[in-house]
Amino acid sequence: MIKPRALQKGDRVAIIAPAGPPDKEQLMQGKRVLEGMGLDVVLGNHVFDLEENLVALDQKRVADLHEAFFDPSIDGIFCANGGFGTARIAPLIDYVMIQGNPKIFWGYSDITYLLNAIHNFSSLVTFHGPMVASDLNDEDRTTETESSFKSLFTGESLTYDSSVSPLETLVSGTGEGRLVGGNLTLLTNGLGTPYQVKTDEAILLIEEVEEPAFKINLMLTHLQQAGVFDALQGVVIGNFQAEPDEYERIKKMFRVFFAGASFPVVENFHIGHCQPNYGVPLGVNAKLTTSPARLMIDSGVSLK
């Protein structure tokens, strides 16, 4: 496991868009938030590019990612927003180069595919966290979401309990292991590929947006039958944004699906497609308890 260096005021960071172009105004609003943290922010050359030729587009997205990792003046990389297509670029990435140039890599949603791919092949801790255009814009941003970036500077460990949001225990117990996961659709899409999430002796984070209960059940069943839960130490259920009636069906489905699980399962973490959206490192050790319900996560950055 490789932890990237913690950020300091004055550090230069890059914004890239490997899953799709952001709204320009929202991106510039989010860029100003990062600058307010004392960071020097630059944009990837192809952040706003959109063209029908997917091969050319993928090459541009990879070029921005490679340049951000390889440029010694860049200390962190933040994704602009989600979208689609990161699975296409995963085979094009130079993971050896990334391993030799470890930096903060931060995003979620479709970026889940890259979070897992980079960790699998570079051993680099990655970060599931709010993105620049979609979460730090003036309309959606919350103080709590913005505060998620603090640990990138301080190197402090994270504790999430019911003082942050009311946590509900579905299965009692204690589990300890690496925190892995992300968006449920992307985790399911990665099954059977070299980029599949590695869950042995791990705690799995899942989140989703605007998917019905039956489809979430289908994806969880797919993960289960693929052996993803066989050596799991816990499940952290993030936000599953849905209309109230559908969300009640989702919650009921969770209770039925995880009944009898051999590991703790806790839900209602504000992680994912929500505000506030709390950022967490992936690949570091975490401990999930249910008495009280609490998730404790080691720091994702090195202060050395």
C-alpha atoms as a PDB file:
ATOM      1  CA  MET A   1       0.000   0.000   0.000  1.00  0.00           C
ATOM      2  CA  ILE A   2       1.345   3.407  -1.023  1.00  0.00           C
ATOM      3  CA  LYS A   3      -0.020   6.569   0.567  1.00  0.00           C
ATOM      4  CA  PRO A   4       0.367   9.812  -1.387  1.00  0.00           C
ATOM      5  CA  ARG A   5       1.929  12.844   0.269  1.00  0.00           C
ATOM      6  CA  ALA A   6      -0.398  15.138   2.196  1.00  0.00           C
ATOM      7  CA  LEU A   7      -1.222  18.476   0.629  1.00  0.00           C
ATOM      8  CA  GLN A   8       0.167  21.790   1.823  1.00  0.00           C
ATOM      9  CA  LYS A   9      -1.011  25.292   1.088  1.00  0.00           C
ATOM     10  CA  GLY A  10       0.582  26.487  -2.121  1.00  0.00           C
ATOM     11  CA  ASP A  11       0.608  23.010  -3.696  1.00  0.00           C
ATOM     12  CA  ARG A  12      -0.462  22.711  -7.300  1.00  0.00           C
ATOM     13  CA  VAL A  13      -3.324  20.335  -8.123  1.00  0.00           C
ATOM     14  CA  ALA A  14      -4.921  19.345 -11.413  1.00  0.00           C
ATOM     15  CA  ILE A  15      -8.569  18.916 -12.365  1.00  0.00           C
ATOM     16  CA  ILE A  16      -9.245  16.279 -15.004  1.00  0.00           C
ATOM     17  CA  ALA A  17     -12.457  14.852 -16.484  1.00  0.00           C
ATOM     18  CA  PRO A  18     -11.925  11.167 -17.335  1.00  0.00           C
ATOM     19  CA  ALA A  19     -15.673  10.393 -17.300  1.00  0.00           C
ATOM     20  CA  GLY A  20     -17.066  13.346 -19.239  1.00  0.00           C
ATOM     21  CA  PRO A  21     -16.935  17.132 -19.631  1.00  0.00           C
ATOM     22  CA  PRO A  22     -18.330  19.246 -16.762  1.00  0.00           C
ATOM     23  CA  ASP A  23     -20.520  22.315 -16.844  1.00  0.00           C
ATOM     24  CA  LYS A  24     -17.980  25.130 -17.247  1.00  0.00           C
ATOM     25  CA  GLU A  25     -19.572  27.519 -14.766  1.00  0.00           C
ATOM     26  CA  GLN A  26     -19.921  24.841 -12.101  1.00  0.00           C
ATOM     27  CA  LEU A  27     -16.324  23.752 -12.647  1.00  0.00           C
ATOM     28  CA  MET A  28     -15.017  27.285 -12.195  1.00  0.00           C
ATOM     29  CA  GLN A  29     -17.081  27.652  -9.013  1.00  0.00           C
ATOM     30  CA  GLY A  30     -15.561  24.455  -7.648  1.00  0.00           C
ATOM     31  CA  LYS A  31     -12.096  25.512  -8.777  1.00  0.00           C
ATOM     32  CA  ARG A  32     -12.433  28.661  -6.669  1.00  0.00           C
ATOM     33  CA  VAL A  33     -13.305  26.500  -3.642  1.00  0.00           C
ATOM     34  CA  LEU A  34     -10.073  24.546  -4.044  1.00  0.00           C
ATOM     35  CA  GLU A  35      -8.174  27.800  -4.474  1.00  0.00           C
ATOM     36  CA  GLY A  36      -9.777  29.010  -1.235  1.00  0.00           C
ATOM     37  CA  MET A  37      -8.053  26.070   0.458  1.00  0.00           C
ATOM     38  CA  GLY A  38      -4.724  27.569  -0.561  1.00  0.00           C
ATOM     39  CA  LEU A  39      -4.163  25.379  -3.618  1.00  0.00           C
ATOM     40  CA  ASP A  40      -2.870  26.406  -7.036  1.00  0.00           C
ATOM     41  CA  VAL A  41      -5.366  24.800  -9.424  1.00  0.00           C
ATOM     42  CA  VAL A  42      -4.777  23.978 -13.087  1.00  0.00           C
ATOM     43  CA  LEU A  43      -7.102  22.329 -15.602  1.00  0.00           C
ATOM     44  CA  GLY A  44      -6.267  19.364 -17.789  1.00  0.00           C
ATOM     45  CA  ASN A  45      -5.935  20.233 -21.469  1.00  0.00           C
ATOM     46  CA  HIS A  46      -9.002  18.197 -22.424  1.00  0.00           C
ATOM     47  CA  VAL A  47     -11.384  18.798 -19.508  1.00  0.00           C
ATOM     48  CA  PHE A  48     -14.120  20.225 -21.752  1.00  0.00           C
ATOM     49  CA  ASP A  49     -13.532  18.026 -24.797  1.00  0.00           C
ATOM     50  CA  LEU A  50     -16.469  16.107 -26.219  1.00  0.00           C
ATOM     51  CA  GLU A  51     -16.425  14.350 -29.570  1.00  0.00           C
ATOM     52  CA  GLU A  52     -18.109  11.417 -31.262  1.00  0.00           C
ATOM     53  CA  ASN A  53     -14.869   9.539 -31.913  1.00  0.00           C
ATOM     54  CA  LEU A  54     -14.564   7.571 -28.667  1.00  0.00           C
ATOM     55  CA  VAL A  55     -11.067   6.301 -29.472  1.00  0.00           C
ATOM     56  CA  ALA A  56      -9.712   9.835 -29.837  1.00  0.00           C
ATOM     57  CA  LEU A  57     -11.659  10.996 -26.783  1.00  0.00           C
ATOM     58  CA  ASP A  58     -10.304   8.179 -24.627  1.00  0.00           C
ATOM     59  CA  GLN A  59      -6.759   8.993 -25.705  1.00  0.00           C
ATOM     60  CA  LYS A  60      -7.267  12.609 -24.635  1.00  0.00           C
ATOM     61  CA  ARG A  61      -8.673  11.592 -21.249  1.00  0.00           C
ATOM     62  CA  VAL A  62      -5.756   9.248 -20.621  1.00  0.00           C
ATOM     63  CA  ALA A  63      -3.308  11.942 -21.731  1.00  0.00           C
ATOM     64  CA  ASP A  64      -4.664  14.332 -19.088  1.00  0.00           C
ATOM     65  CA  LEU A  65      -4.454  11.636 -16.407  1.00  0.00           C
ATOM     66  CA  HIS A  66      -0.903  10.644 -17.378  1.00  0.00           C
ATOM     67  CA  GLU A  67       0.283  14.245 -17.577  1.00  0.00           C
ATOM     68  CA  ALA A  68      -1.136  15.027 -14.127  1.00  0.00           C
ATOM     69  CA  PHE A  69       0.586  12.034 -12.549  1.00  0.00           C
ATOM     70  CA  PHE A  70       3.878  12.495 -14.416  1.00  0.00           C
ATOM     71  CA  ASP A  71       4.221  16.266 -13.939  1.00  0.00           C
ATOM     72  CA  PRO A  72       6.394  16.762 -10.812  1.00  0.00           C
ATOM     73  CA  SER A  73       4.787  20.145 -10.150  1.00  0.00           C
ATOM     74  CA  ILE A  74       1.357  18.520  -9.608  1.00  0.00           C
ATOM     75  CA  ASP A  75       0.666  17.271  -6.065  1.00  0.00           C
ATOM     76  CA  GLY A  76      -2.932  16.067  -6.348  1.00  0.00           C
ATOM     77  CA  ILE A  77      -5.540  15.151  -8.945  1.00  0.00           C
ATOM     78  CA  PHE A  78      -9.263  15.861  -8.568  1.00  0.00           C
ATOM     79  CA  CYS A  79     -11.941  14.682 -10.975  1.00  0.00           C
ATOM     80  CA  ALA A  80     -14.432  17.225 -12.273  1.00  0.00           C
ATOM     81  CA  ASN A  81     -17.527  15.026 -12.290  1.00  0.00           C
ATOM     82  CA  GLY A  82     -18.871  11.597 -13.159  1.00  0.00           C
ATOM     83  CA  GLY A  83     -20.338  10.421 -16.428  1.00  0.00           C
ATOM     84  CA  PHE A  84     -19.416   7.245 -18.285  1.00  0.00           C
ATOM     85  CA  GLY A  85     -16.562   5.562 -20.105  1.00  0.00           C
ATOM     86  CA  THR A  86     -13.829   5.126 -17.487  1.00  0.00           C
ATOM     87  CA  ALA A  87     -13.943   1.350 -18.009  1.00  0.00           C
ATOM     88  CA  ARG A  88     -12.782   1.957 -21.586  1.00  0.00           C
ATOM     89  CA  ILE A  89      -9.654   3.826 -20.529  1.00  0.00           C
ATOM     90  CA  ALA A  90      -8.567   1.512 -17.694  1.00  0.00           C
ATOM     91  CA  PRO A  91      -6.507  -0.752 -20.050  1.00  0.00           C
ATOM     92  CA  LEU A  92      -4.745   2.305 -21.515  1.00  0.00           C
ATOM     93  CA  ILE A  93      -3.310   3.586 -18.236  1.00  0.00           C
ATOM     94  CA  ASP A  94       0.390   3.296 -17.330  1.00  0.00           C
ATOM     95  CA  TYR A  95       0.082   1.952 -13.788  1.00  0.00           C
ATOM     96  CA  VAL A  96       3.832   1.514 -13.353  1.00  0.00           C
ATOM     97  CA  MET A  97       4.277   5.227 -13.999  1.00  0.00           C
ATOM     98  CA  ILE A  98       1.557   6.007 -11.462  1.00  0.00           C
ATOM     99  CA  GLN A  99       3.213   3.778  -8.876  1.00  0.00           C
ATOM    100  CA  GLY A 100       6.445   5.711  -9.362  1.00  0.00           C
ATOM    101  CA  ASN A 101       4.637   9.056  -9.031  1.00  0.00           C
ATOM    102  CA  PRO A 102       2.100   8.555  -6.217  1.00  0.00           C
ATOM    103  CA  LYS A 103      -0.374  11.403  -5.785  1.00  0.00           C
ATOM    104  CA  ILE A 104      -3.836  12.016  -4.389  1.00  0.00           C
ATOM    105  CA  PHE A 105      -6.434  10.794  -6.890  1.00  0.00           C
ATOM    106  CA  TRP A 106      -9.970  11.823  -5.881  1.00  0.00           C
ATOM    107  CA  GLY A 107     -13.450  11.186  -7.315  1.00  0.00           C
ATOM    108  CA  TYR A 108     -16.459   8.848  -7.221  1.00  0.00           C
ATOM    109  CA  SER A 109     -19.418   7.643  -9.323  1.00  0.00           C
ATOM    110  CA  ASP A 110     -18.047   6.467 -12.699  1.00  0.00           C
ATOM    111  CA  ILE A 111     -14.563   7.251 -11.351  1.00  0.00           C
ATOM    112  CA  THR A 112     -15.026   4.149  -9.154  1.00  0.00           C
ATOM    113  CA  TYR A 113     -13.629   2.069 -12.004  1.00  0.00           C
ATOM    114  CA  LEU A 114     -10.376   4.046 -11.930  1.00  0.00           C
ATOM    115  CA  LEU A 115     -10.168   4.105  -8.128  1.00  0.00           C
ATOM    116  CA  ASN A 116     -10.110   0.306  -8.130  1.00  0.00           C
ATOM    117  CA  ALA A 117      -7.920  -0.059 -11.221  1.00  0.00           C
ATOM    118  CA  ILE A 118      -5.255   2.287  -9.871  1.00  0.00           C
ATOM    119  CA  HIS A 119      -5.254   0.619  -6.460  1.00  0.00           C
ATOM    120  CA  ASN A 120      -5.126  -2.887  -7.965  1.00  0.00           C
ATOM    121  CA  PHE A 121      -2.184  -2.213 -10.250  1.00  0.00           C
ATOM    122  CA  SER A 122      -0.281   0.586  -8.455  1.00  0.00           C
ATOM    123  CA  SER A 123      -1.008  -0.193  -4.779  1.00  0.00           C
ATOM    124  CA  LEU A 124      -1.841   3.504  -4.447  1.00  0.00           C
ATOM    125  CA  VAL A 125      -4.416   4.637  -1.908  1.00  0.00           C
ATOM    126  CA  THR A 126      -7.206   6.411  -3.809  1.00  0.00           C
ATOM    127  CA  PHE A 127     -10.034   8.619  -2.560  1.00  0.00           C
ATOM    128  CA  HIS A 128     -13.809   8.297  -2.930  1.00  0.00           C
ATOM    129  CA  GLY A 129     -14.892  11.893  -2.524  1.00  0.00           C
ATOM    130  CA  PRO A 130     -16.904  14.892  -3.758  1.00  0.00           C
ATOM    131  CA  MET A 131     -15.968  16.198  -7.190  1.00  0.00           C
ATOM    132  CA  VAL A 132     -15.143  19.705  -8.282  1.00  0.00           C
ATOM    133  CA  ALA A 133     -18.009  20.603 -10.624  1.00  0.00           C
ATOM    134  CA  SER A 134     -20.785  18.319  -9.395  1.00  0.00           C
ATOM    135  CA  ASP A 135     -20.284  18.772  -5.631  1.00  0.00           C
ATOM    136  CA  LEU A 136     -18.356  22.001  -5.026  1.00  0.00           C
ATOM    137  CA  ASN A 137     -20.492  24.286  -7.176  1.00  0.00           C
ATOM    138  CA  ASP A 138     -22.234  27.211  -5.478  1.00  0.00           C
ATOM    139  CA  GLU A 139     -25.717  25.673  -5.592  1.00  0.00           C
ATOM    140  CA  ASP A 140     -24.966  22.204  -4.188  1.00  0.00           C
ATOM    141  CA  ARG A 141     -21.889  22.670  -1.993  1.00  0.00           C
ATOM    142  CA  THR A 142     -22.234  22.273   1.770  1.00  0.00           C
ATOM    143  CA  THR A 143     -19.789  23.152   4.520  1.00  0.00           C
ATOM    144  CA  GLU A 144     -19.574  19.479   5.471  1.00  0.00           C
ATOM    145  CA  THR A 145     -18.710  18.453   1.919  1.00  0.00           C
ATOM    146  CA  GLU A 146     -15.995  21.068   1.730  1.00  0.00           C
ATOM    147  CA  SER A 147     -14.612  19.947   5.098  1.00  0.00           C
ATOM    148  CA  SER A 148     -13.978  16.477   3.618  1.00  0.00           C
ATOM    149  CA  PHE A 149     -10.816  17.840   2.038  1.00  0.00           C
ATOM    150  CA  LYS A 150      -9.310  18.807   5.401  1.00  0.00           C
ATOM    151  CA  SER A 151      -7.801  15.389   6.078  1.00  0.00           C
ATOM    152  CA  LEU A 152      -5.777  15.655   2.866  1.00  0.00           C
ATOM    153  CA  PHE A 153      -3.818  18.444   4.564  1.00  0.00           C
ATOM    154  CA  THR A 154      -3.769  17.235   8.180  1.00  0.00           C
ATOM    155  CA  GLY A 155      -3.300  13.504   7.671  1.00  0.00           C
ATOM    156  CA  GLU A 156      -5.774  12.821  10.455  1.00  0.00           C
ATOM    157  CA  SER A 157      -7.701   9.565  10.674  1.00  0.00           C
ATOM    158  CA  LEU A 158     -11.469   9.664  10.154  1.00  0.00           C
ATOM    159  CA  THR A 159     -14.288   8.602  12.463  1.00  0.00           C
ATOM    160  CA  TYR A 160     -17.851   8.493  11.174  1.00  0.00           C
ATOM    161  CA  ASP A 161     -20.563   7.848  13.750  1.00  0.00           C
ATOM    162  CA  SER A 162     -24.161   8.894  14.408  1.00  0.00           C
ATOM    163  CA  SER A 163     -23.063  12.414  15.281  1.00  0.00           C
ATOM    164  CA  VAL A 164     -22.508  12.855  11.529  1.00  0.00           C
ATOM    165  CA  SER A 165     -25.716  11.130  10.360  1.00  0.00           C
ATOM    166  CA  PRO A 166     -28.068   8.662  12.102  1.00  0.00           C
ATOM    167  CA  LEU A 167     -26.569   5.248  11.379  1.00  0.00           C
ATOM    168  CA  GLU A 168     -28.727   2.133  11.278  1.00  0.00           C
ATOM    169  CA  THR A 169     -27.321  -1.308  12.018  1.00  0.00           C
ATOM    170  CA  LEU A 170     -28.670  -4.066   9.789  1.00  0.00           C
ATOM    171  CA  VAL A 171     -26.299  -6.788  11.026  1.00  0.00           C
ATOM    172  CA  SER A 172     -24.408  -6.504  14.317  1.00  0.00           C
ATOM    173  CA  GLY A 173     -20.732  -7.249  14.792  1.00  0.00           C
ATOM    174  CA  THR A 174     -17.244  -5.892  14.353  1.00  0.00           C
ATOM    175  CA  GLY A 175     -15.136  -6.025  11.208  1.00  0.00           C
ATOM    176  CA  GLU A 176     -11.687  -4.780  10.337  1.00  0.00           C
ATOM    177  CA  GLY A 177      -9.865  -4.634   7.016  1.00  0.00           C
ATOM    178  CA  ARG A 178      -9.071  -2.489   4.007  1.00  0.00           C
ATOM    179  CA  LEU A 179     -11.871  -0.110   2.961  1.00  0.00           C
ATOM    180  CA  VAL A 180     -12.722  -0.745  -0.698  1.00  0.00           C
ATOM    181  CA  GLY A 181     -15.635  -0.174  -3.054  1.00  0.00           C
ATOM    182  CA  GLY A 182     -17.625   2.694  -4.507  1.00  0.00           C
ATOM    183  CA  ASN A 183     -20.534   2.905  -6.920  1.00  0.00           C
ATOM    184  CA  LEU A 184     -22.483  -0.370  -7.064  1.00  0.00           C
ATOM    185  CA  THR A 185     -23.036  -0.319 -10.824  1.00  0.00           C
ATOM    186  CA  LEU A 186     -19.334   0.181 -11.509  1.00  0.00           C
ATOM    187  CA  LEU A 187     -18.342  -2.496  -8.990  1.00  0.00           C
ATOM    188  CA  THR A 188     -20.679  -4.919 -10.751  1.00  0.00           C
ATOM    189  CA  ASN A 189     -19.361  -3.917 -14.170  1.00  0.00           C
ATOM    190  CA  GLY A 190     -15.835  -4.708 -13.034  1.00  0.00           C
ATOM    191  CA  LEU A 191     -16.580  -8.328 -12.151  1.00  0.00           C
ATOM    192  CA  GLY A 192     -14.515 -10.803 -14.156  1.00  0.00           C
ATOM    193  CA  THR A 193     -12.043  -8.135 -15.286  1.00  0.00           C
ATOM    194  CA  PRO A 194      -8.531  -7.326 -14.026  1.00  0.00           C
ATOM    195  CA  TYR A 195     -10.081  -4.233 -12.411  1.00  0.00           C
ATOM    196  CA  GLN A 196     -12.492  -6.139 -10.168  1.00  0.00           C
ATOM    197  CA  VAL A 197     -12.628  -4.843  -6.597  1.00  0.00           C
ATOM    198  CA  LYS A 198     -10.564  -6.999  -4.227  1.00  0.00           C
ATOM    199  CA  THR A 199     -12.654  -7.740  -1.142  1.00  0.00           C
ATOM    200  CA  ASP A 200     -10.838 -10.529   0.710  1.00  0.00           C
ATOM    201  CA  GLU A 201     -10.613  -9.472   4.373  1.00  0.00           C
ATOM    202  CA  ALA A 202     -11.966  -6.044   3.414  1.00  0.00           C
ATOM    203  CA  ILE A 203     -14.814  -3.714   4.329  1.00  0.00           C
ATOM    204  CA  LEU A 204     -16.942  -2.927   1.279  1.00  0.00           C
ATOM    205  CA  LEU A 205     -18.428   0.530   0.670  1.00  0.00           C
ATOM    206  CA  ILE A 206     -21.394   0.677  -1.725  1.00  0.00           C
ATOM    207  CA  GLU A 207     -23.434   3.650  -2.988  1.00  0.00           C
ATOM    208  CA  GLU A 208     -25.788   4.298  -5.894  1.00  0.00           C
ATOM    209  CA  VAL A 209     -28.083   6.897  -7.421  1.00  0.00           C
ATOM    210  CA  GLU A 210     -31.604   6.638  -8.857  1.00  0.00           C
ATOM    211  CA  GLU A 211     -31.645   2.871  -9.285  1.00  0.00           C
ATOM    212  CA  PRO A 212     -34.760   0.862  -8.316  1.00  0.00           C
ATOM    213  CA  ALA A 213     -34.718  -1.713  -5.531  1.00  0.00           C
ATOM    214  CA  PHE A 214     -35.027  -4.663  -7.913  1.00  0.00           C
ATOM    215  CA  LYS A 215     -31.937  -3.601  -9.884  1.00  0.00           C
ATOM    216  CA  ILE A 216     -29.915  -3.007  -6.719  1.00  0.00           C
ATOM    217  CA  ASN A 217     -30.928  -6.480  -5.568  1.00  0.00           C
ATOM    218  CA  LEU A 218     -29.836  -7.886  -8.931  1.00  0.00           C
ATOM    219  CA  MET A 219     -26.411  -6.240  -8.638  1.00  0.00           C
ATOM    220  CA  LEU A 220     -25.909  -7.365  -5.041  1.00  0.00           C
ATOM    221  CA  THR A 221     -26.874 -10.911  -6.048  1.00  0.00           C
ATOM    222  CA  HIS A 222     -24.332 -10.733  -8.881  1.00  0.00           C
ATOM    223  CA  LEU A 223     -21.611  -9.674  -6.429  1.00  0.00           C
ATOM    224  CA  GLN A 224     -22.629 -12.404  -4.001  1.00  0.00           C
ATOM    225  CA  GLN A 225     -22.603 -15.159  -6.620  1.00  0.00           C
ATOM    226  CA  ALA A 226     -19.235 -13.938  -7.905  1.00  0.00           C
ATOM    227  CA  GLY A 227     -17.762 -14.548  -4.444  1.00  0.00           C
ATOM    228  CA  VAL A 228     -17.296 -10.883  -3.535  1.00  0.00           C
ATOM    229  CA  PHE A 229     -18.861 -11.415  -0.088  1.00  0.00           C
ATOM    230  CA  ASP A 230     -17.074 -14.703   0.718  1.00  0.00           C
ATOM    231  CA  ALA A 231     -14.272 -13.242   2.867  1.00  0.00           C
ATOM    232  CA  LEU A 232     -15.785  -9.841   3.546  1.00  0.00           C
ATOM    233  CA  GLN A 233     -15.386  -8.223   6.965  1.00  0.00           C
ATOM    234  CA  GLY A 234     -18.181  -5.648   6.722  1.00  0.00           C
ATOM    235  CA  VAL A 235     -20.447  -3.569   4.493  1.00  0.00           C
ATOM    236  CA  VAL A 236     -20.805   0.204   4.660  1.00  0.00           C
ATOM    237  CA  ILE A 237     -23.934   1.397   2.869  1.00  0.00           C
ATOM    238  CA  GLY A 238     -23.579   4.933   1.571  1.00  0.00           C
ATOM    239  CA  ASN A 239     -26.240   7.055  -0.045  1.00  0.00           C
ATOM    240  CA  PHE A 240     -28.768   5.329  -2.332  1.00  0.00           C
ATOM    241  CA  GLN A 241     -30.523   8.392  -3.689  1.00  0.00           C
ATOM    242  CA  ALA A 242     -34.110   7.614  -4.707  1.00  0.00           C
ATOM    243  CA  GLU A 243     -37.640   8.916  -4.347  1.00  0.00           C
ATOM    244  CA  PRO A 244     -39.088   8.308  -0.838  1.00  0.00           C
ATOM    245  CA  ASP A 245     -41.290   5.331  -1.779  1.00  0.00           C
ATOM    246  CA  GLU A 246     -38.509   3.670  -3.750  1.00  0.00           C
ATOM    247  CA  TYR A 247     -36.017   4.346  -0.988  1.00  0.00           C
ATOM    248  CA  GLU A 248     -38.258   2.502   1.477  1.00  0.00           C
ATOM    249  CA  ARG A 249     -38.287  -0.470  -0.893  1.00  0.00           C
ATOM    250  CA  ILE A 250     -34.498  -0.282  -1.115  1.00  0.00           C
ATOM    251  CA  LYS A 251     -34.118  -0.234   2.678  1.00  0.00           C
ATOM    252  CA  LYS A 252     -36.462  -3.221   3.027  1.00  0.00           C
ATOM    253  CA  MET A 253     -34.507  -5.088   0.361  1.00  0.00           C
ATOM    254  CA  PHE A 254     -31.240  -4.439   2.244  1.00  0.00           C
ATOM    255  CA  ARG A 255     -32.704  -5.906   5.435  1.00  0.00           C
ATOM    256  CA  VAL A 256     -33.787  -9.049   3.626  1.00  0.00           C
ATOM    257  CA  PHE A 257     -30.649  -9.425   1.505  1.00  0.00           C
ATOM    258  CA  PHE A 258     -28.154  -9.061   4.341  1.00  0.00           C
ATOM    259  CA  ALA A 259     -30.145 -11.028   6.931  1.00  0.00           C
ATOM    260  CA  GLY A 260     -27.869 -13.711   8.346  1.00  0.00           C
ATOM    261  CA  ALA A 261     -24.671 -12.132   7.011  1.00  0.00           C
ATOM    262  CA  SER A 262     -21.539 -13.148   8.914  1.00  0.00           C
ATOM    263  CA  PHE A 263     -20.202  -9.569   8.896  1.00  0.00           C
ATOM    264  CA  PRO A 264     -21.533  -6.237  10.224  1.00  0.00           C
ATOM    265  CA  VAL A 265     -23.684  -4.125   7.919  1.00  0.00           C
ATOM    266  CA  VAL A 266     -24.418  -0.463   8.682  1.00  0.00           C
ATOM    267  CA  GLU A 267     -26.340   2.005   6.510  1.00  0.00           C
ATOM    268  CA  ASN A 268     -27.026   5.739   6.094  1.00  0.00           C
ATOM    269  CA  PHE A 269     -23.505   7.016   5.597  1.00  0.00           C
ATOM    270  CA  HIS A 270     -23.535  10.293   3.646  1.00  0.00           C
ATOM    271  CA  ILE A 271     -21.036   9.018   1.122  1.00  0.00           C
ATOM    272  CA  GLY A 272     -21.791   9.197  -2.595  1.00  0.00           C
ATOM    273  CA  HIS A 273     -24.450  11.010  -4.621  1.00  0.00           C
ATOM    274  CA  CYS A 274     -25.664  13.285  -1.829  1.00  0.00           C
ATOM    275  CA  GLN A 275     -25.052  16.479   0.081  1.00  0.00           C
ATOM    276  CA  PRO A 276     -23.189  16.472   2.294  1.00  0.00           C
ATOM    277  CA  ASN A 277     -20.860  14.034   0.575  1.00  0.00           C
ATOM    278  CA  TYR A 278     -18.027  12.897   2.815  1.00  0.00           C
ATOM    279  CA  GLY A 279     -14.750  11.818   1.207  1.00  0.00           C
ATOM    280  CA  VAL A 280     -12.955   8.657   2.377  1.00  0.00           C
ATOM    281  CA  PRO A 281      -9.679   6.976   1.418  1.00  0.00           C
ATOM    282  CA  LEU A 282      -9.813   3.533  -0.198  1.00  0.00           C
ATOM    283  CA  GLY A 283      -7.167   0.890   0.387  1.00  0.00           C
ATOM    284  CA  VAL A 284      -6.374   1.836   3.990  1.00  0.00           C
ATOM    285  CA  ASN A 285      -7.333  -0.059   7.123  1.00  0.00           C
ATOM    286  CA  ALA A 286     -10.785   0.592   8.580  1.00  0.00           C
ATOM    287  CA  LYS A 287     -12.835  -0.764  11.468  1.00  0.00           C
ATOM    288  CA  LEU A 288     -16.625  -1.063  11.440  1.00  0.00           C
ATOM    289  CA  THR A 289     -18.487  -1.532  14.729  1.00  0.00           C
ATOM    290  CA  THR A 290     -22.164  -1.633  15.656  1.00  0.00           C
ATOM    291  CA  SER A 291     -22.043  -1.024  19.438  1.00  0.00           C
ATOM    292  CA  PRO A 292     -21.962   1.860  18.799  1.00  0.00           C
ATOM    293  CA  ALA A 293     -22.371   2.112  15.018  1.00  0.00           C
ATOM    294  CA  ARG A 294     -19.090   3.623  13.886  1.00  0.00           C
ATOM    295  CA  LEU A 295     -16.627   3.542  11.003  1.00  0.00           C
ATOM    296  CA  MET A 296     -13.009   4.365  11.808  1.00  0.00           C
ATOM    297  CA  ILE A 297     -10.637   4.865   8.881  1.00  0.00           C
ATOM    298  CA  ASP A 298      -6.867   5.306   8.868  1.00  0.00           C
ATOM    299  CA  SER A 299      -5.409   8.370   7.180  1.00  0.00           C
ATOM    300  CA  GLY A 300      -5.045   8.111   3.421  1.00  0.00           C
ATOM    301  CA  VAL A 301      -2.008  10.399   3.136  1.00  0.00           C
ATOM    302  CA  SER A 302       1.564  10.425   4.363  1.00  0.00           C
ATOM    303  CA  LEU A 303       2.979  13.403   6.256  1.00  0.00           C
ATOM    304  CA  LYS A 304       6.574  12.434   5.407  1.00  0.00           C
END
